[in-house]
Amino acid sequence: MPPLNLTNTHEDYTKTEEVRIKSRDLFEGSEEVKAKTKTYLFQGVNEGDDQYTNRLKRAALDPFAEKIIKARHSLIFSKEHERTLPATLKKFENDVDNCRTPAEAFFSDLNIDSQVDGIAWVLIDMPKPPIDESGEPIELDNARQEEEAGQRPYFTQIAAADVLDWAVDDDNELIWAVVRGTRFKEDVSQGWGQTRTIKTTWTVWTTAEWIKYEESEEPAKGKKATERYSIVDRGEHNLGTVPLVPILGVKYTKFSGWSVTKKVNDHIILLYNKESDLDHFEELAAHPIPYVISSEKPDLLDAGKGIWIPVGDGGEKVDIGMLEPTGKGFESARLSMADLRFRILSIALSQSKRETAQVESADAQREDRRIFSSSLKTTSRNAEKGEQRCWEIMALWIKEPGTIKITYNRDFDDRMIEAAMLKEFSTLVAEENLTSETFLRILKSVEVLPSWVDVDEEIAKLKAISANSASSVLSTLHAEEQREQGGSSGNDGTEDE
């Protein structure tokens, strides 16, 4: 029999891992993305390390992934969900995780993570029974004694990255699953200030028991060196099922899923790089790089401090200039970035990417919103089904079944979708992550604006208003300057002498 290897991963885990990591990084934001440097901000072929490091420090990521997922989440949780629970479970509704977290908050957080990672897991567990001095379990006579001893089932969220492997039966139900965890190991006898050792654990859950493993620090006496794991704890549960429940974002299989931002992740990364390029262009324009063509190498090549070039007796010609980007480079970058923002937000709003001719079709856009509404309903249904199963397994722990009915919101009409999504996206305009012109075009493309609105005309009006505002400001400043210099008009309408 081959040696045990608990780091094995299921093929579905491996298949979805790259998208899951990318989606999580983009959702977490600028700090997470910048920490992974060249994974997301690409280094140019002729770009030096110093230049790249400076560009990385200045880079900023637009929070598109967070906006998209939170907009979807706000729709699913816009109404309080209905829970019909027996009294034996009802008492846990305001503390589902034994840490005073109510069900609504627990499953709300879970829904966000499932949409980010494609899947989130819930482990329904029960503390081990108390033991006497001889190490034998203490029998508890009633519910009150169990409550006093902390014997109650509870929910624990398990990250998508930590359920590594699993197997299913002919009915596609879990037979076993491997859950990765951590444990702090420290010598408490030494008091405070001691360094903790973090140990990785692997808990194998089956339909009847659980077994916790750690890597052996050294092979136990009489064991082969290939036996790298030791059992550190185990227990029985007799539930007849593996107490792990998946909550899916976008379903791939029953126990794996895709992030809802999968279709726009690469657009966001490309925009991140283009914005960095534009920032670099602007930096070069503000601080151009000097160059010298001469027979002698300058001792100092610094435009801010001056350049000293030795010239031979022959008085050879020396060329000095500045390297700086042209106006076309700026304009090209801005147009490309505006197009990417349009693509990201319009895909997020319609959840369907179409050709330009189709985007102009009202029927096509109505179909887009229908697809988006259907996507929300599927996500809501997955979350509802998952929570229902969590309560059912909790009932198995206390051996007191009853009527359990969970109902999530699926009333997603067009107006509600548009209001919630556009509220999130309009924040980008306010934060100057999206121009008003691009936002108007998005509104038109998804048929939020009436058909009679001419977007180009509205954009021209915006520019005129902006120009008039600038002219008004300049006129006001000029008038104030004249008054300060004593050249303002008198009360009689004549100029002061």
Foldseek 3Di string as FASTA:
>chain_A
DAADDLQAFDPQCVVAVVQLVLLVQLQVFLVSVLVVQCVQAPADPPHDPVNSVVLSVVFGFDNLSNLLLVLLLCVQVVDPWDKDDPPVCVVCQQPQAVPRHHPSRVLSVLLSLQQSRQKKKKFWDWDDADADPVRHHDDDDDPVSCVVRRTAIHIDIAHSNFFGYFDADPVRATAKTKGKDKDWDDDCVVPPPTDIDIWIWIWMFGQWKIWIKTFDPADDPPDDRSNGIDTDDMDTQNLRGGRMFMQGQADDDRSGGGHLCSVLSVLSSVLSNLVSVLVVLVVCVVQWFKDKDDPFDWPDRHPVVDIDGDDDPVRDDMDMDTDHDDPVSNVVSVVVSLVSVLVSLLCSLQVDDDDPVLLQDLVSLVVSNVVVLVSSQVSSVSSQVRVQVNVVSSCSRVVHDDDIHIGTDSPDDPVSSCVSSVVSVVVCCVVVVHPPLSSLVSCVSSVVDDPPDDSVVVVVVVVVVVVVVVVVVVVVVVQVVCVVVQFHADPVRHTDD
